[in-house]
Structures are given as C-alpha cells and as structure tokens.
C-alpha cells in the first residue's frame, strides 16, 4: 500500500514538472487559469530614508514569480501615504495607476520580475516617520506561502519601507549692543544662528541686508557682500542639533540716513516647523558726529561752530556735486586757550577784613581830657631816674541814681596814647 502511494506521488510530481514545458510549447493552450502554482514575492526599497522636507525620493517595488508556474492577472497595491506627493512613475512588465495606486502585471513567467519606480516629493507630514507598503492583492494562481491582500507583514508577498524626514528648528538673533551709531565710526554687529531641532540642519544659509548708507567690512566666517543687492550671504553648511554659529561684521554709515535697520534671515534644506524666529532686525539712530570724543554738531552748513573748545568749519562740497550728495564731515580744530604772562601783576578785588578778637569798648567822655605826656616822657623818666608828673585820668561823669540820665562812657580813640600808671624806677 505504501509503495503504491509513493508511486502515485512520483507520477504527479513528474506531470507537474512537465506543465511549464507543455504551456510554453502550446500543448496546453486553452487550459483554464488557476490550474498552476506560483510563488509571488514583493520587495521594496527607497533611495533615501532620511531626506529633508522638499527632497525627492524614489521607491522601487519589484514583484517576482518564484514558483514553477506562470502567473497571470497579478495586481500589486502601493498607495502613497500622507507625507509624500506623487511626481512620476516608470514600470517594466506592467502598468501603474497613480489614482488607485495599483500595479497591474498581465503575465509573469517563472523567475520573471515586474518593476515599478515611484518618484515622490517629501513633505512635512513625513517628519515623524512614514511607512510605505506594497502588497500583492490579486493573482490567478495559487501561492503556497502567502495569501493576496491579507495585510500580513510576515508573508513574502508584502514589503514596507519607512522614511523619516529630518526636523530642524533654526533661530537667529542680531545686535550691535547700542541704539545709536555715529556716522563715519565703525559699528559691529553680531548674528547668532542656533539649531534647537532634533536633527541636523543641512545647507544653512544666512542673508543680511545692509542699509544703502552703510559700507560693510570685516565679514566673518567667509561671508560675501553683493554691492548691487546690499546683501551679505553666509553659506554655513550643516549645523548639528543643539549647536550654534556666531557671525560678525562691521559697518560704517555715511550719515545720509538718520535711522538704519539691518535684517538677517536664516534658512536651510531641513524642515523647520516654526519660521517665526528665522529673522532678526536691529534699528539704530545715526548721529552725524565727526569722531568719537568730539562734540555733536547738528549742522555746519551755514556758519562756523565753536563747541566746548573745538571750532568746526564746513568742508567745501566738490564740484560738480555727485548724486546722491555724500555726507562730508566738517573740519574741526581745537580753539586756542587765552595766553597768560607769568609774573604780571593781577588786580584783585578789595576786601574788608573781618574784625577779630575782643572789640574795644566805646565810652563817651565829658569833658574829654587832654593827655600831654607821651611814651617818650615815660622812657625819659626811666633813664633819668625821675618821677614824671602824674598823668591825669579821665573820670566819667555819673548821674545820681534815678535821674534817668545815662552814665557817661569814655571813648577810646584808636591810635592815641593811653595813660599808664606811675611806676617807681628800680635803683
């Protein structure tokens, strides 16, 4: 019994192996479909799995008949998910309907493949990662290891790829640490570009428009200036996540504008969900001073001006006058100080000295006695051992108490000799 079963299986296997040859020779022409055995397998690749938003990527889908029978009326589905925009397709061995996302393969012999390529545009919807799947959804023949359109990722008639678009978050700041600048004096700006996003920002470009009255110089990081557009451009390449780049440049303003505004912007090939911080501006008032440390002169066009020891005179305008008329700073020179001759007498105001010490007592004398002796008579008496005559003293006149008359007060005459008591010379 076992021998008979084995013999039967061997005959069936031999007949199955002859079917492809018979079909190819036309011996089985008109045989109904679905009688053969196929093994359809799908593979799928993408040329760039981590693109930037706005990049193109190409999906390649291949359907291969790995079975011994010819497959017919094969359909494979590849519907683009959100995050991709269809741009074009090419097929080899079939046709693709971009509206339905179905690849149709009329016939696929044993070992033969049909290929579909899809070129798509990556959008911001692919930033968080998007998976694209292709699967066989129909065929006339039996497939021993997979079932069409059952969405089983473990079967070989289905394949997927994931695309994760890059996400950067660029920001830019700008300052010159002042709100006013002086014409003809260099002013330095600092521009900082930062990437706070999860991914590297690719092909970062910074543009800074300089006012027409400014002449930039000392541009850092290889930046270039276009005098026609008044724009400084930096091509910074890539900025990694969490990194920043600092740029500097210097501008000298000619004073033809009373206020200047500089605006810097940043962009890259990498998706940035927040564009509100991708531009920064700095505005300053321009003062038409001649140099640092000199006085501010509003206008010197009509007359000479002397301010704080400095005399400024207008500088002649060249003839013919260029257009637009440039700002020509005035010529300023120190004002000479008045000369002083050493040793010359200088007049001083008369000042009345203030009295010091105890003040003399004013006395009224009635009558005023005449004092005849002098200091010389006293000296003579000392030398001759004689006693001079007593010097009369003034006695104030008094009134009886209660009379109401004031008491006479002797008057001291400044500079007059005063009477001294008599003293006995020593022998």
Protein backbone atom coordinates (compact mmCIF):
# COMPACT_ATOMS: atom_id res chain seq x y z
CA UNK A 1 0.00 0.00 0.00
CA UNK A 2 2.77 2.42 0.90
CA UNK A 3 4.60 1.53 -2.27
CA UNK A 4 1.50 2.37 -4.33
CA UNK A 5 1.13 5.78 -2.66
CA UNK A 6 4.76 6.66 -3.26
CA UNK A 7 4.45 5.69 -6.92
CA UNK A 8 1.39 7.90 -7.32
CA UNK A 9 3.15 10.91 -5.83
CA UNK A 10 6.11 10.39 -8.12
CA UNK A 11 3.84 10.37 -11.15
CA UNK A 12 2.11 13.61 -10.04
CA UNK A 13 5.44 15.32 -9.49
CA UNK A 14 6.61 14.33 -12.93
CA UNK A 15 3.44 15.64 -14.51
CA UNK A 16 3.75 18.96 -12.63
CA UNK A 17 7.29 19.43 -13.89
CA UNK A 18 6.08 18.93 -17.45
CA UNK A 19 3.35 21.58 -17.26
CA UNK A 20 5.59 24.63 -17.89
CA UNK A 21 7.17 22.93 -20.89
CA UNK A 22 3.82 21.97 -22.31
CA UNK A 23 2.45 25.51 -21.84
CA UNK A 24 5.44 27.12 -23.42
CA UNK A 25 5.15 24.80 -26.41
CA UNK A 26 1.43 25.48 -26.75
CA UNK A 27 0.43 21.95 -25.85
CA UNK A 28 -1.83 23.24 -23.07
CA UNK A 29 -3.34 26.13 -25.00
CA UNK A 30 -6.86 26.82 -23.78
CA UNK A 31 -6.23 25.34 -20.36
CA UNK A 32 -8.32 27.26 -17.78
CA UNK A 33 -6.42 29.70 -15.50
CA UNK A 34 -5.83 28.95 -11.86
CA UNK A 35 -4.59 25.47 -12.52
CA UNK A 36 -0.88 26.30 -11.95
CA UNK A 37 1.18 27.06 -8.82
CA UNK A 38 3.10 30.32 -8.37
CA UNK A 39 5.08 31.87 -5.54
CA UNK A 40 4.87 35.64 -5.82
CA UNK A 41 7.30 37.71 -3.72
CA UNK A 42 7.46 41.51 -3.27
CA UNK A 43 10.50 43.62 -2.40
CA UNK A 44 10.64 47.39 -1.82
CA UNK A 45 13.46 49.92 -1.33
CA UNK A 46 13.87 53.70 -1.05
CA UNK A 47 16.95 55.60 -2.18
CA UNK A 48 16.98 57.98 0.84
CA UNK A 49 15.33 57.06 4.12
CA UNK A 50 16.20 60.30 5.97
CA UNK A 51 15.58 63.09 3.47
CA UNK A 52 14.90 66.74 4.07
CA UNK A 53 11.44 68.10 3.52
CA UNK A 54 11.24 69.16 -0.11
CA UNK A 55 13.58 66.42 -1.30
CA UNK A 56 12.63 63.83 -3.88
CA UNK A 57 12.87 60.15 -3.01
CA UNK A 58 12.44 57.13 -5.25
CA UNK A 59 10.62 53.95 -4.19
CA UNK A 60 11.38 50.79 -6.14
CA UNK A 61 8.83 47.92 -5.98
CA UNK A 62 9.63 44.54 -7.51
CA UNK A 63 7.22 41.59 -7.93
CA UNK A 64 8.93 38.27 -8.70
CA UNK A 65 7.45 34.89 -9.62
CA UNK A 66 9.48 32.37 -7.64
CA UNK A 67 7.16 29.48 -8.43
CA UNK A 68 7.29 26.97 -11.22
CA UNK A 69 4.12 28.14 -12.95
CA UNK A 70 3.39 31.24 -14.92
CA UNK A 71 1.39 33.86 -13.03
CA UNK A 72 -1.37 35.82 -14.70
CA UNK A 73 -3.53 38.83 -13.89
CA UNK A 74 -1.34 39.86 -11.00
CA UNK A 75 -2.16 43.06 -9.14
CA UNK A 76 0.01 44.77 -6.50
CA UNK A 77 -1.01 47.82 -4.49
CA UNK A 78 1.22 50.74 -3.47
CA UNK A 79 -0.85 53.67 -2.19
CA UNK A 80 1.25 56.66 -1.14
CA UNK A 81 0.55 57.70 2.47
CA UNK A 82 0.39 61.28 3.73
CA UNK A 83 3.84 62.84 3.68
CA UNK A 84 4.52 62.14 0.01
CA UNK A 85 3.33 63.80 -3.19
CA UNK A 86 3.37 61.75 -6.38
CA UNK A 87 5.54 63.16 -9.12
CA UNK A 88 6.20 60.37 -11.65
CA UNK A 89 6.37 56.60 -12.19
CA UNK A 90 8.01 54.09 -14.51
CA UNK A 91 7.19 50.41 -14.95
CA UNK A 92 8.81 47.39 -16.53
CA UNK A 93 6.45 44.47 -17.19
CA UNK A 94 3.23 46.19 -16.11
CA UNK A 95 1.31 49.46 -15.71
CA UNK A 96 0.62 51.72 -12.73
CA UNK A 97 -2.46 53.80 -11.97
CA UNK A 98 -1.41 56.70 -9.74
CA UNK A 99 -5.02 57.39 -8.75
CA UNK A 100 -5.68 53.90 -7.41
CA UNK A 101 -2.07 53.06 -6.56
CA UNK A 102 -2.36 49.65 -8.29
CA UNK A 103 0.35 47.99 -10.38
CA UNK A 104 -1.11 45.55 -12.92
CA UNK A 105 1.02 42.73 -14.36
CA UNK A 106 -0.79 40.68 -17.06
CA UNK A 107 1.64 37.75 -17.09
CA UNK A 108 4.70 36.79 -15.15
CA UNK A 109 6.56 33.62 -16.05
CA UNK A 110 8.56 31.56 -13.62
CA UNK A 111 11.61 33.53 -12.47
CA UNK A 112 10.43 36.74 -14.13
CA UNK A 113 10.01 40.11 -12.35
CA UNK A 114 7.96 43.25 -12.88
CA UNK A 115 9.33 46.56 -11.56
CA UNK A 116 7.66 49.81 -10.55
CA UNK A 117 9.54 53.01 -9.58
CA UNK A 118 7.75 55.89 -7.90
CA UNK A 119 9.33 59.35 -7.61
CA UNK A 120 7.71 61.38 -4.85
CA UNK A 121 8.20 64.70 -3.06
CA UNK A 122 8.72 64.60 0.70
CA UNK A 123 6.51 66.96 2.74
CA UNK A 124 6.37 67.93 6.40
CA UNK A 125 4.00 65.04 7.05
CA UNK A 126 6.93 62.66 6.83
CA UNK A 127 8.86 64.33 9.67
CA UNK A 128 7.67 61.90 12.33
CA UNK A 129 8.33 58.88 10.09
CA UNK A 130 6.02 57.41 7.43
CA UNK A 131 5.85 53.78 6.30
CA UNK A 132 5.01 52.90 2.68
CA UNK A 133 3.78 49.36 1.93
CA UNK A 134 3.38 47.36 -1.28
CA UNK A 135 1.44 44.06 -1.42
CA UNK A 136 0.08 41.58 -3.95
CA UNK A 137 -3.69 41.92 -3.84
CA UNK A 138 -4.74 39.51 -6.62
CA UNK A 139 -3.44 36.69 -8.87
CA UNK A 140 -4.94 33.82 -10.88
CA UNK A 141 -2.64 31.18 -9.47
CA UNK A 142 -2.33 29.62 -6.07
CA UNK A 143 0.53 30.81 -3.86
CA UNK A 144 1.55 28.15 -1.34
CA UNK A 145 3.10 30.54 1.27
CA UNK A 146 1.01 33.71 1.10
CA UNK A 147 -2.50 34.98 0.64
CA UNK A 148 -3.12 38.08 -1.50
CA UNK A 149 -4.46 41.25 0.16
CA UNK A 150 -4.46 39.91 3.72
CA UNK A 151 -2.07 42.65 5.02
CA UNK A 152 0.15 40.13 6.72
CA UNK A 153 3.63 41.64 7.03
CA UNK A 154 5.20 38.22 7.71
CA UNK A 155 4.32 36.91 4.24
CA UNK A 156 6.68 37.39 1.31
CA UNK A 157 4.09 38.98 -0.97
CA UNK A 158 4.20 42.18 1.14
CA UNK A 159 7.09 44.64 1.79
CA UNK A 160 7.45 48.03 3.51
CA UNK A 161 9.99 50.86 3.96
CA UNK A 162 9.94 53.77 6.42
CA UNK A 163 11.01 57.31 5.55
CA UNK A 164 11.88 59.68 8.38
CA UNK A 165 12.19 63.27 7.14
CA UNK A 166 14.62 65.46 9.08
CA UNK A 167 13.37 68.10 11.53
CA UNK A 168 15.44 71.15 12.47
CA UNK A 169 14.44 74.23 14.46
CA UNK A 170 16.61 77.17 13.45
CA UNK A 171 16.52 80.59 15.10
CA UNK A 172 18.52 83.78 14.62
CA UNK A 173 19.36 86.82 16.77
CA UNK A 174 21.13 90.08 15.91
CA UNK A 175 22.53 93.00 17.93
CA UNK A 176 25.16 95.75 17.94
CA UNK A 177 24.70 96.44 21.69
CA UNK A 178 23.58 100.04 21.09
CA UNK A 179 20.60 102.08 19.91
CA UNK A 180 22.59 104.83 18.20
CA UNK A 181 25.66 104.91 15.99
CA UNK A 182 27.99 107.68 14.88
CA UNK A 183 28.47 108.41 11.21
CA UNK A 184 31.95 107.54 9.92
CA UNK A 185 32.61 105.42 13.04
CA UNK A 186 32.63 101.60 12.59
CA UNK A 187 29.72 99.72 14.18
CA UNK A 188 29.99 95.96 14.77
CA UNK A 189 27.01 93.58 14.52
CA UNK A 190 26.81 90.08 16.00
CA UNK A 191 24.49 87.48 14.43
CA UNK A 192 23.86 84.13 16.16
CA UNK A 193 22.23 81.13 14.45
CA UNK A 194 21.06 78.20 16.63
CA UNK A 195 19.54 74.79 15.89
CA UNK A 196 17.24 73.52 18.64
CA UNK A 197 15.70 70.80 16.47
CA UNK A 198 16.06 67.03 16.73
CA UNK A 199 18.09 66.68 13.53
CA UNK A 200 20.96 68.36 11.73
CA UNK A 201 20.05 71.39 9.64
CA UNK A 202 21.50 70.94 6.15
CA UNK A 203 22.74 73.66 3.79
CA UNK A 204 22.15 76.55 6.18
CA UNK A 205 22.22 79.98 4.52
CA UNK A 206 22.16 83.35 6.33
CA UNK A 207 21.36 86.59 4.47
CA UNK A 208 21.77 90.08 5.95
CA UNK A 209 20.55 93.18 4.10
CA UNK A 210 22.68 96.25 4.89
CA UNK A 211 21.15 99.76 4.56
CA UNK A 212 22.26 101.71 1.49
CA UNK A 213 24.12 104.26 3.64
CA UNK A 214 26.35 101.56 5.12
CA UNK A 215 29.60 100.04 3.87
CA UNK A 216 30.27 96.60 5.45
CA UNK A 217 33.69 95.13 6.12
CA UNK A 218 35.45 92.57 8.32
CA UNK A 219 32.83 89.92 7.48
CA UNK A 220 33.50 86.73 9.44
CA UNK A 221 33.03 83.05 8.52
CA UNK A 222 33.68 83.54 4.83
CA UNK A 223 30.62 85.70 4.19
CA UNK A 224 30.39 87.60 0.91
CA UNK A 225 28.86 91.01 0.14
CA UNK A 226 26.91 91.87 -3.01
CA UNK A 227 27.03 95.65 -3.51
CA UNK A 228 24.15 95.52 -6.02
CA UNK A 229 21.71 93.97 -3.57
CA UNK A 230 23.41 95.32 -0.41
CA UNK A 231 23.30 91.76 0.97
CA UNK A 232 25.82 89.75 2.98
CA UNK A 233 25.48 85.98 2.46
CA UNK A 234 26.95 83.18 4.55
CA UNK A 235 26.83 79.54 3.35
CA UNK A 236 27.25 77.72 6.65
CA UNK A 237 26.72 74.12 5.52
CA UNK A 238 25.34 71.88 8.27
CA UNK A 239 24.51 72.88 11.85
CA UNK A 240 24.07 69.91 14.17
CA UNK A 241 21.25 69.58 16.64
CA UNK A 242 21.94 71.72 19.73
CA UNK A 243 24.72 73.72 18.03
CA UNK A 244 25.06 77.39 17.10
CA UNK A 245 27.24 79.62 14.91
CA UNK A 246 28.24 83.24 15.66
CA UNK A 247 28.80 85.70 12.80
CA UNK A 248 30.17 89.26 12.95
CA UNK A 249 30.70 92.15 10.57
CA UNK A 250 31.39 95.89 10.75
CA UNK A 251 29.52 98.74 9.05
CA UNK A 252 30.47 102.41 8.58
CA UNK A 253 27.48 104.66 7.88
CA UNK A 254 27.88 107.86 5.83
CA UNK A 255 25.21 109.79 7.78
CA UNK A 256 22.78 110.19 4.85
CA UNK A 257 20.13 108.25 6.79
CA UNK A 258 19.01 109.35 10.24
CA UNK A 259 17.90 105.81 11.13
CA UNK A 260 19.11 102.43 9.85
CA UNK A 261 17.60 98.94 10.14
CA UNK A 262 19.51 95.74 9.40
CA UNK A 263 17.61 92.48 8.95
CA UNK A 264 19.16 88.99 8.94
CA UNK A 265 17.33 85.78 7.93
CA UNK A 266 18.23 82.09 8.07
CA UNK A 267 17.02 79.12 6.03
CA UNK A 268 18.05 75.53 5.32
CA UNK A 269 17.04 72.45 3.36
CA UNK A 270 15.81 70.82 6.55
CA UNK A 271 12.19 71.12 7.63
CA UNK A 272 11.52 73.78 10.25
CA UNK A 273 8.03 73.82 11.73
CA UNK A 274 8.49 77.27 13.34
CA UNK A 275 9.58 80.03 10.97
CA UNK A 276 8.68 82.96 13.23
CA UNK A 277 12.20 83.07 14.72
CA UNK A 278 14.07 82.78 11.41
CA UNK A 279 14.54 86.55 11.05
CA UNK A 280 16.00 89.25 13.31
CA UNK A 281 16.43 93.03 12.92
CA UNK A 282 18.40 95.80 14.62
CA UNK A 283 17.49 99.51 14.35
CA UNK A 284 19.79 102.41 15.29
CA UNK A 285 19.71 106.20 15.17
CA UNK A 286 22.63 107.69 13.19
CA UNK A 287 24.39 110.70 14.75
CA UNK A 288 26.38 112.91 12.38
CA UNK A 289 29.36 113.39 14.72
CA UNK A 290 32.82 113.72 13.28
CA UNK A 291 34.64 111.34 15.55
CA UNK A 292 34.47 109.71 18.93
CA UNK A 293 35.13 112.21 21.70
CA UNK A 294 34.28 115.32 19.64
CA UNK A 295 31.15 117.39 20.28
CA UNK A 296 27.95 116.61 18.44
CA UNK A 297 27.33 119.20 15.71
CA UNK A 298 23.84 119.12 14.22
CA UNK A 299 24.65 121.39 11.25
CA UNK A 300 27.73 123.18 10.00
CA UNK A 301 26.43 124.10 6.58
CA UNK A 302 25.77 127.83 7.23
CA UNK A 303 28.38 129.02 9.65
CA UNK A 304 31.36 128.11 11.77
CA UNK A 305 30.53 126.44 15.03
CA UNK A 306 32.56 126.51 18.25
CA UNK A 307 31.57 123.96 20.87
CA UNK A 308 33.41 123.03 24.04
CA UNK A 309 36.79 124.28 22.88
CA UNK A 310 36.51 122.93 19.32
CA UNK A 311 35.89 125.01 16.20
CA UNK A 312 34.23 123.23 13.25
CA UNK A 313 34.05 124.73 9.76
CA UNK A 314 32.20 123.33 6.73
CA UNK A 315 34.24 121.34 4.25
CA UNK A 316 33.74 122.61 0.68
CA UNK A 317 31.48 120.41 -1.47
CA UNK A 318 33.32 119.05 -4.55
CA UNK A 319 32.31 120.47 -7.89
CA UNK A 320 30.45 119.13 -9.71
CA UNK A 321 28.40 117.75 -6.82
CA UNK A 322 27.94 113.95 -7.10
CA UNK A 323 24.47 112.45 -6.87
CA UNK A 324 23.40 111.45 -4.34
CA UNK A 325 25.21 114.12 -2.36
CA UNK A 326 27.57 112.39 0.05
CA UNK A 327 27.97 113.39 3.67
CA UNK A 328 31.17 115.41 4.05
CA UNK A 329 32.23 115.84 7.67
CA UNK A 330 33.30 119.36 8.73
CA UNK A 331 36.86 120.24 9.64
CA UNK A 332 37.29 120.68 13.40
CA UNK A 333 40.27 122.19 15.22
CA UNK A 334 40.84 122.94 18.91
CA UNK A 335 40.06 126.52 19.95
CA UNK A 336 43.28 128.21 21.31
CA UNK A 337 43.23 128.96 25.02
CA UNK A 338 43.89 132.61 26.18
CA UNK A 339 47.59 133.34 26.81
CA UNK A 340 48.89 134.11 30.32
CA UNK A 341 52.14 136.15 31.03
CA UNK A 342 54.00 134.83 34.02
CA UNK A 343 54.97 137.46 36.62
CA UNK A 344 52.41 140.01 35.55
CA UNK A 345 50.51 141.71 38.35
CA UNK A 346 46.90 140.90 38.53
CA UNK A 347 44.28 143.07 40.18
CA UNK A 348 42.28 141.63 42.98
CA UNK A 349 39.04 142.96 44.45
CA UNK A 350 39.31 144.99 47.67
CA UNK A 351 38.15 143.01 50.62
CA UNK A 352 37.30 144.48 54.02
CA UNK A 353 38.88 142.34 56.74
CA UNK A 354 36.63 140.94 59.36
CA UNK A 355 37.38 142.13 62.98
CA UNK A 356 38.97 139.51 65.16
CA UNK A 357 39.34 139.18 68.96
CA UNK A 358 37.65 141.34 71.60
CA UNK A 359 36.14 144.57 70.32
CA UNK A 360 37.04 148.00 72.07
CA UNK A 361 34.53 149.43 74.46
CA UNK A 362 33.01 152.66 73.27
CA UNK A 363 32.89 155.29 76.11
CA UNK A 364 31.60 158.84 75.97
CA UNK A 365 33.91 161.31 77.91
CA UNK A 366 32.57 164.53 79.26
CA UNK A 367 34.76 166.51 79.06
CA UNK A 368 37.44 164.81 77.03
CA UNK A 369 40.75 165.22 78.89
CA UNK A 370 43.88 166.23 77.09
CA UNK A 371 46.70 163.76 77.56
CA UNK A 372 50.01 165.51 77.10
CA UNK A 373 52.68 163.04 78.23
CA UNK A 374 53.84 160.61 75.67
CA UNK A 375 55.58 157.33 75.77
CA UNK A 376 58.82 159.26 75.24
CA UNK A 377 58.37 161.13 78.54
CA UNK A 378 57.98 157.82 80.33
CA UNK A 379 61.09 156.46 78.73
CA UNK A 380 62.99 159.61 79.69
CA UNK A 381 61.92 159.36 83.33
CA UNK A 382 63.16 155.80 83.47
CA UNK A 383 66.53 156.73 82.04
CA UNK A 384 66.96 159.85 84.30
CA UNK A 385 65.63 158.20 87.42
CA UNK A 386 62.96 160.82 87.72
CA UNK A 387 59.37 160.53 88.51
CA UNK A 388 57.14 162.11 85.84
CA UNK A 389 54.19 164.19 86.76
CA UNK A 390 51.07 162.24 87.36
CA UNK A 391 49.05 161.72 84.26
CA UNK A 392 45.52 162.96 84.69
CA UNK A 393 42.92 160.34 84.19
CA UNK A 394 39.51 160.79 82.88
CA UNK A 395 36.70 160.36 85.31
CA UNK A 396 33.35 159.52 83.87
CA UNK A 397 30.51 161.74 84.81
CA UNK A 398 27.78 159.94 86.57
CA UNK A 399 24.25 160.94 87.33
CA UNK A 400 22.52 160.35 90.56
CA UNK A 401 20.59 157.15 90.66
CA UNK A 402 17.16 157.50 89.33
CA UNK A 403 17.88 160.69 87.47
CA UNK A 404 17.27 158.94 84.15
CA UNK A 405 20.42 160.32 82.59
CA UNK A 406 22.76 157.79 81.00
CA UNK A 407 26.12 157.12 82.52
CA UNK A 408 28.94 158.82 80.65
CA UNK A 409 31.13 156.34 78.91
CA UNK A 410 34.74 157.23 77.99
CA UNK A 411 35.54 156.97 74.31
CA UNK A 412 38.73 155.21 73.27
CA UNK A 413 40.43 156.86 70.36
CA UNK A 414 42.24 154.34 68.25
CA UNK A 415 45.91 155.17 67.79
CA UNK A 416 46.07 157.68 70.69
CA UNK A 417 48.48 157.00 73.55
CA UNK A 418 46.90 155.68 76.64
CA UNK A 419 47.74 156.75 80.20
CA UNK A 420 49.69 154.24 82.21
CA UNK A 421 50.09 154.07 85.99
CA UNK A 422 53.18 155.61 87.59
CA UNK A 423 55.85 153.15 88.47
CA UNK A 424 58.95 153.70 90.60
CA UNK A 425 62.15 153.03 88.79
CA UNK A 426 64.49 150.47 90.23
CA UNK A 427 67.84 151.63 91.62
